Amino acid sequence: IFLFLRGVLGSTAMILLYYAFQATSLADATVITFSTPVFTSIFAWIFLKEKYSPWDALFTVFTITGVILIVRPPFLFGASAASGDGNYSVHLKGTVAAVAHAVFAALTLVILRRMGKSVDYFLSIWYYVILGLLECVVVLFILGEWSLPYCGLDRLFLILIGLFGLGGQVFLAKAIQIEKAGPVAIMKTMDVVFAFILQIIFF
């Protein structure tokens, strides 16, 4: 059951992340997704009985405040906040998707930690890949958006995304077997630093 949940929640988190990047600004979506460590600490405290310190509670308050500032609800910021953002409903959907991604990603980390070393981390990756593939097929059928990039370079980029993403999942699953869920989630936010460095190198 934990392997099934790991596969479904993990793939759902990735689908929500890509939708958030399309529906709202890259900056807003990225900031919200970095709230994953906050949700991870809460879920680890509830389900794994890991320590939840006052600092964690403070960061939770900051995270909720940050999400509210990004969403800019009209009942707090007035109607001009919604009208000033092209299509507020789409922006709101993207924000909700980003928050949902953070929640599902946190639950995935907690499940991986719960399984621990009793389950080989490659087996958890296998469930993630297979269930993720099935879930993507279902979503594509529902949306009716079957398409492939015409450019060969774009197809190469898709392959690289898959390979690097798989590598990231392997290291994540191994790390969560060794360390607690909270610290792993915090270290995962380092990807923004590496993204900045790689952007300077390649772009």
Protein backbone atom coordinates (compact mmCIF):
# COMPACT_ATOMS: atom_id res chain seq x y z
CA ILE A 1 0.00 0.00 0.00
CA PHE A 2 2.87 2.39 0.79
CA LEU A 3 4.51 1.66 -2.57
CA PHE A 4 1.22 2.34 -4.34
CA LEU A 5 0.73 5.62 -2.45
CA ARG A 6 4.33 6.62 -3.14
CA GLY A 7 3.80 6.11 -6.88
CA VAL A 8 0.44 7.87 -7.09
CA LEU A 9 1.28 10.81 -4.83
CA GLY A 10 4.72 11.31 -6.37
CA SER A 11 3.46 11.35 -9.95
CA THR A 12 0.48 13.54 -9.00
CA ALA A 13 2.89 16.02 -7.42
CA MET A 14 4.90 16.24 -10.65
CA ILE A 15 1.79 16.72 -12.81
CA LEU A 16 0.58 19.51 -10.53
CA LEU A 17 4.02 21.13 -10.66
CA TYR A 18 4.07 21.30 -14.47
CA TYR A 19 0.51 22.64 -14.50
CA ALA A 20 1.46 25.32 -11.97
CA PHE A 21 4.37 26.42 -14.16
CA GLN A 22 1.96 26.81 -17.09
CA ALA A 23 -0.90 28.50 -15.22
CA THR A 24 0.98 31.03 -13.12
CA SER A 25 4.32 32.81 -13.20
CA LEU A 26 7.47 30.74 -12.82
CA ALA A 27 8.57 32.82 -9.83
CA ASP A 28 5.28 32.43 -7.94
CA ALA A 29 5.07 28.69 -8.59
CA THR A 30 8.69 28.14 -7.58
CA VAL A 31 8.33 30.09 -4.33
CA ILE A 32 5.23 28.13 -3.34
CA THR A 33 6.74 24.75 -4.16
CA PHE A 34 9.60 25.53 -1.80
CA SER A 35 7.09 25.31 1.04
CA THR A 36 7.45 21.52 0.78
CA PRO A 37 9.81 21.34 3.81
CA VAL A 38 7.15 23.02 5.96
CA PHE A 39 4.50 20.47 5.02
CA THR A 40 7.06 17.68 5.36
CA SER A 41 7.85 18.70 8.94
CA ILE A 42 4.15 18.79 9.82
CA PHE A 43 3.37 15.40 8.27
CA ALA A 44 6.52 13.83 9.73
CA TRP A 45 5.44 15.10 13.16
CA ILE A 46 1.92 13.68 12.72
CA PHE A 47 2.69 10.33 11.09
CA LEU A 48 6.30 9.58 12.05
CA LYS A 49 6.41 11.29 15.47
CA GLU A 50 9.46 13.30 14.43
CA LYS A 51 10.24 16.45 16.38
CA TYR A 52 8.28 19.60 15.47
CA SER A 53 10.02 22.60 17.02
CA PRO A 54 8.76 26.15 17.59
CA TRP A 55 10.96 27.19 14.67
CA ASP A 56 9.02 24.81 12.44
CA ALA A 57 5.77 26.41 13.59
CA LEU A 58 7.18 29.87 12.87
CA PHE A 59 8.23 28.84 9.36
CA THR A 60 4.74 27.43 8.83
CA VAL A 61 3.22 30.84 9.63
CA PHE A 62 5.68 32.55 7.27
CA THR A 63 4.83 30.07 4.51
CA ILE A 64 1.08 30.60 4.85
CA THR A 65 1.63 34.36 4.81
CA GLY A 66 3.77 34.09 1.69
CA VAL A 67 1.15 32.02 -0.13
CA ILE A 68 -1.53 34.59 0.76
CA LEU A 69 0.65 37.39 -0.61
CA ILE A 70 1.14 35.46 -3.86
CA VAL A 71 -2.54 34.57 -4.26
CA ARG A 72 -3.63 38.16 -3.46
CA PRO A 73 -7.26 37.28 -2.60
CA PRO A 74 -9.69 40.10 -3.52
CA PHE A 75 -11.31 40.12 -0.07
CA LEU A 76 -7.94 41.20 1.39
CA PHE A 77 -6.34 43.17 -1.45
CA GLY A 78 -9.44 44.53 -3.17
CA ALA A 79 -10.85 43.86 -6.63
CA SER A 80 -7.96 45.70 -8.30
CA ALA A 81 -5.57 42.93 -7.22
CA ALA A 82 -7.53 40.37 -9.21
CA SER A 83 -8.19 42.57 -12.23
CA GLY A 84 -4.58 43.65 -12.44
CA ASP A 85 -3.42 40.12 -13.08
CA GLY A 86 -4.62 39.32 -16.61
CA ASN A 87 -6.60 36.22 -15.79
CA TYR A 88 -6.96 35.88 -12.03
CA SER A 89 -8.87 32.59 -12.15
CA VAL A 90 -6.05 30.90 -14.07
CA HIS A 91 -3.49 32.42 -11.69
CA LEU A 92 -5.50 31.11 -8.75
CA LYS A 93 -5.67 27.61 -10.24
CA GLY A 94 -1.91 27.66 -10.77
CA THR A 95 -1.35 28.74 -7.19
CA VAL A 96 -3.62 26.00 -5.86
CA ALA A 97 -1.78 23.47 -8.03
CA ALA A 98 1.58 24.66 -6.64
CA VAL A 99 0.34 24.33 -3.04
CA ALA A 100 -1.11 20.89 -3.81
CA HIS A 101 2.25 19.89 -5.31
CA ALA A 102 4.00 20.91 -2.10
CA VAL A 103 1.53 18.86 -0.03
CA PHE A 104 1.77 15.74 -2.21
CA ALA A 105 5.57 16.00 -2.44
CA ALA A 106 5.74 16.24 1.36
CA LEU A 107 3.50 13.19 1.75
CA THR A 108 5.72 11.32 -0.69
CA LEU A 109 8.80 12.06 1.42
CA VAL A 110 7.02 10.94 4.58
CA ILE A 111 5.91 7.70 2.93
CA LEU A 112 9.45 7.01 1.73
CA ARG A 113 10.72 7.63 5.24
CA ARG A 114 8.00 5.37 6.68
CA MET A 115 9.07 2.51 4.41
CA GLY A 116 12.68 3.10 5.37
CA LYS A 117 15.15 0.37 4.51
CA SER A 118 12.50 -2.35 4.59
CA VAL A 119 11.83 -1.67 0.90
CA ASP A 120 14.58 -1.37 -1.69
CA TYR A 121 14.68 2.19 -2.99
CA PHE A 122 14.80 0.97 -6.61
CA LEU A 123 11.48 -0.78 -6.06
CA SER A 124 9.91 2.49 -4.92
CA ILE A 125 11.30 4.16 -8.05
CA TRP A 126 9.78 1.39 -10.19
CA TYR A 127 6.34 1.99 -8.69
CA TYR A 128 6.77 5.73 -9.22
CA VAL A 129 7.63 5.27 -12.91
CA ILE A 130 4.91 2.72 -13.74
CA LEU A 131 2.08 4.42 -11.83
CA GLY A 132 3.23 7.81 -13.08
CA LEU A 133 3.08 6.58 -16.67
CA LEU A 134 -0.44 5.22 -16.19
CA GLU A 135 -1.57 8.42 -14.49
CA CYS A 136 -0.15 10.59 -17.28
CA VAL A 137 -1.93 8.48 -19.90
CA VAL A 138 -5.24 8.94 -18.06
CA VAL A 139 -4.70 12.70 -17.75
CA LEU A 140 -3.79 13.03 -21.44
CA PHE A 141 -6.91 11.09 -22.44
CA ILE A 142 -9.05 13.37 -20.28
CA LEU A 143 -7.46 16.55 -21.64
CA GLY A 144 -7.18 15.24 -25.19
CA GLU A 145 -3.72 16.75 -25.64
CA TRP A 146 -1.67 13.99 -27.24
CA SER A 147 1.24 15.68 -28.98
CA LEU A 148 4.99 15.48 -29.45
CA PRO A 149 7.40 18.34 -30.20
CA TYR A 150 8.21 18.63 -33.90
CA CYS A 151 11.76 19.81 -33.23
CA GLY A 152 14.33 17.09 -32.64
CA LEU A 153 16.10 19.25 -30.07
CA ASP A 154 12.93 19.57 -27.99
CA ARG A 155 12.55 15.80 -28.01
CA LEU A 156 16.13 15.48 -26.81
CA PHE A 157 15.35 17.87 -23.96
CA LEU A 158 12.33 15.74 -22.99
CA ILE A 159 14.55 12.65 -22.84
CA LEU A 160 17.11 14.50 -20.72
CA ILE A 161 14.35 15.70 -18.37
CA GLY A 162 13.27 12.09 -17.91
CA LEU A 163 16.81 10.81 -17.30
CA PHE A 164 17.81 13.56 -14.88
CA GLY A 165 14.44 13.34 -13.14
CA LEU A 166 14.91 9.60 -12.67
CA GLY A 167 18.38 10.18 -11.26
CA GLY A 168 17.01 12.76 -8.85
CA GLN A 169 14.34 10.32 -7.65
CA VAL A 170 16.95 7.60 -7.06
CA PHE A 171 19.10 9.86 -4.89
CA LEU A 172 16.03 11.23 -3.09
CA ALA A 173 14.77 7.73 -2.24
CA LYS A 174 18.21 6.72 -0.98
CA ALA A 175 18.63 9.90 1.07
CA ILE A 176 15.26 9.50 2.79
CA GLN A 177 16.31 6.01 3.93
CA ILE A 178 19.31 7.47 5.70
CA GLU A 179 18.09 10.83 7.05
CA LYS A 180 14.85 12.16 8.53
CA ALA A 181 12.20 13.58 6.20
CA GLY A 182 12.51 17.20 7.37
CA PRO A 183 16.25 17.69 6.70
CA VAL A 184 15.99 15.93 3.34
CA ALA A 185 13.16 18.26 2.29
CA ILE A 186 15.22 21.28 3.34
CA MET A 187 18.27 20.09 1.39
CA LYS A 188 16.03 19.56 -1.64
CA THR A 189 15.50 23.32 -1.82
CA MET A 190 19.17 23.60 -2.79
CA ASP A 191 18.10 22.80 -6.35
CA VAL A 192 17.33 26.50 -6.87
CA VAL A 193 21.01 27.27 -6.21
CA PHE A 194 22.18 24.64 -8.69
CA ALA A 195 19.57 25.83 -11.20
CA PHE A 196 20.97 29.36 -10.93
CA ILE A 197 24.55 28.11 -11.41
CA LEU A 198 23.63 25.91 -14.38
CA GLN A 199 21.69 28.77 -15.94
CA ILE A 200 24.80 30.95 -15.79
CA ILE A 201 26.94 28.19 -17.31
CA PHE A 202 24.65 27.14 -20.16
CA PHE A 203 22.58 30.25 -20.86
